[in-house]
Amino acid sequence: MKHLLTFAFFALIGMGASAQVSITDEKIAATITPETTRMELANMRVELIAAGVEIRYTDIKWDSNNKLISINFIAKNDAGNIGEYHASPLQADQSIKMVSNRQNGEICVGLNCE
């Protein structure tokens, strides 16, 4: 049973966060959409912290169908730069991005980060 639970935990981490977090030598990037689940947000936070970006979610709201409708968060990278985002309400077609440039330490949080 213990092995089954361990496998399930790592399978969930791999399935959820890998589609929304990208870590390369040049940048660390994450994307949040209305389809992002609670588990994905938690996994995303763990992955980002391991890569050098601390992210703190605040004031998260979900609708009755577990769709993300509002989120505020602050991201801080190893260079000490901070990005902050407030999305209320979050539109169905929005993708909120957080991109931390590893070369120059810049951080971008918003709808138009690359």
Protein backbone atom coordinates (compact mmCIF):
# COMPACT_ATOMS: atom_id res chain seq x y z
CA MET A 1 0.00 0.00 0.00
CA LYS A 2 2.83 2.38 0.87
CA HIS A 3 4.42 1.87 -2.55
CA LEU A 4 1.10 2.46 -4.29
CA LEU A 5 0.59 5.77 -2.45
CA THR A 6 4.15 6.88 -3.24
CA PHE A 7 3.64 6.05 -6.92
CA ALA A 8 0.30 7.90 -7.00
CA PHE A 9 1.84 10.98 -5.36
CA PHE A 10 4.69 11.20 -7.87
CA ALA A 11 2.37 10.45 -10.78
CA LEU A 12 0.15 13.37 -9.77
CA ILE A 13 3.14 15.68 -9.47
CA GLY A 14 4.38 14.66 -12.89
CA MET A 15 0.99 14.97 -14.57
CA GLY A 16 -0.09 18.26 -13.07
CA ALA A 17 2.88 20.53 -12.80
CA SER A 18 4.89 19.44 -15.84
CA ALA A 19 2.37 20.97 -18.23
CA GLN A 20 2.44 24.31 -16.41
CA VAL A 21 6.05 24.76 -15.31
CA SER A 22 9.04 25.02 -17.61
CA ILE A 23 12.58 25.14 -16.21
CA THR A 24 15.56 25.70 -18.49
CA ASP A 25 19.05 27.16 -18.11
CA GLU A 26 17.70 30.50 -19.37
CA LYS A 27 14.40 30.86 -17.55
CA ILE A 28 11.87 29.51 -15.11
CA ALA A 29 8.28 29.84 -16.32
CA ALA A 30 4.85 28.95 -15.00
CA THR A 31 1.32 29.34 -16.37
CA ILE A 32 -1.95 29.52 -14.46
CA THR A 33 -5.34 29.29 -16.22
CA PRO A 34 -8.93 28.85 -15.03
CA GLU A 35 -8.40 25.11 -15.60
CA THR A 36 -5.51 24.94 -13.11
CA THR A 37 -6.45 22.71 -10.18
CA ARG A 38 -5.65 23.01 -6.50
CA MET A 39 -3.21 20.12 -6.80
CA GLU A 40 -1.50 21.74 -9.77
CA LEU A 41 -1.08 25.01 -7.85
CA ALA A 42 0.47 23.10 -4.95
CA ASN A 43 2.78 21.11 -7.22
CA MET A 44 3.71 24.22 -9.17
CA ARG A 45 4.76 25.94 -5.94
CA VAL A 46 6.99 22.99 -4.97
CA GLU A 47 8.65 22.89 -8.39
CA LEU A 48 9.22 26.64 -8.48
CA ILE A 49 10.73 26.74 -5.00
CA ALA A 50 13.13 23.94 -5.97
CA ALA A 51 14.16 25.99 -9.02
CA GLY A 52 14.71 29.22 -7.07
CA VAL A 53 11.40 31.07 -7.27
CA GLU A 54 9.24 31.43 -4.20
CA ILE A 55 5.57 31.86 -5.03
CA ARG A 56 2.85 32.73 -2.54
CA TYR A 57 -0.79 32.46 -3.52
CA THR A 58 -3.34 34.64 -1.75
CA ASP A 59 -7.06 35.15 -2.05
CA ILE A 60 -7.76 32.14 -4.30
CA LYS A 61 -11.40 31.60 -5.26
CA TRP A 62 -13.02 28.65 -7.04
CA ASP A 63 -16.50 28.31 -8.53
CA SER A 64 -18.89 25.43 -7.83
CA ASN A 65 -17.28 23.42 -10.67
CA ASN A 66 -13.79 23.85 -9.19
CA LYS A 67 -12.76 26.33 -11.88
CA LEU A 68 -10.30 28.95 -10.73
CA ILE A 69 -12.09 32.31 -10.82
CA SER A 70 -9.70 34.56 -8.88
CA ILE A 71 -6.10 34.43 -7.73
CA ASN A 72 -3.54 36.82 -6.36
CA PHE A 73 0.09 35.82 -6.00
CA ILE A 74 3.57 37.14 -5.39
CA ALA A 75 6.67 35.59 -6.94
CA LYS A 76 10.23 36.28 -5.76
CA ASN A 77 13.30 34.89 -7.49
CA ASP A 78 16.80 34.18 -6.17
CA ALA A 79 17.97 37.59 -7.44
CA GLY A 80 15.51 39.20 -5.02
CA ASN A 81 13.20 40.57 -7.70
CA ILE A 82 9.46 40.44 -7.05
CA GLY A 83 6.45 40.17 -9.35
CA GLU A 84 2.88 40.50 -8.17
CA TYR A 85 -0.40 39.62 -9.88
CA HIS A 86 -4.07 40.19 -9.05
CA ALA A 87 -6.70 38.47 -11.22
CA SER A 88 -10.25 39.04 -10.16
CA PRO A 89 -12.20 37.82 -11.99
CA LEU A 90 -10.03 35.56 -14.09
CA GLN A 91 -11.34 35.38 -17.65
CA ALA A 92 -11.95 31.98 -19.28
CA ASP A 93 -9.30 32.54 -21.98
CA GLN A 94 -6.63 34.11 -19.77
CA SER A 95 -3.23 32.58 -19.10
CA ILE A 96 -1.32 34.22 -16.29
CA LYS A 97 2.40 33.76 -16.69
CA MET A 98 5.37 34.08 -14.39
CA VAL A 99 8.77 34.17 -16.08
CA SER A 100 12.03 34.52 -14.18
CA ASN A 101 15.06 35.17 -16.37
CA ARG A 102 18.05 33.30 -14.94
CA GLN A 103 20.59 35.36 -16.91
CA ASN A 104 19.68 38.88 -15.74
CA GLY A 105 17.41 38.19 -12.73
CA GLU A 106 14.37 39.96 -14.17
CA ILE A 107 10.95 38.61 -13.30
CA CYS A 108 7.71 39.16 -15.21
CA VAL A 109 4.27 38.33 -13.87
CA GLY A 110 1.20 38.97 -16.00
CA LEU A 111 -0.71 38.13 -19.14
CA ASN A 112 2.02 39.10 -21.63
CA CYS A 113 5.22 37.58 -20.23
CA GLU A 114 7.44 35.58 -22.55
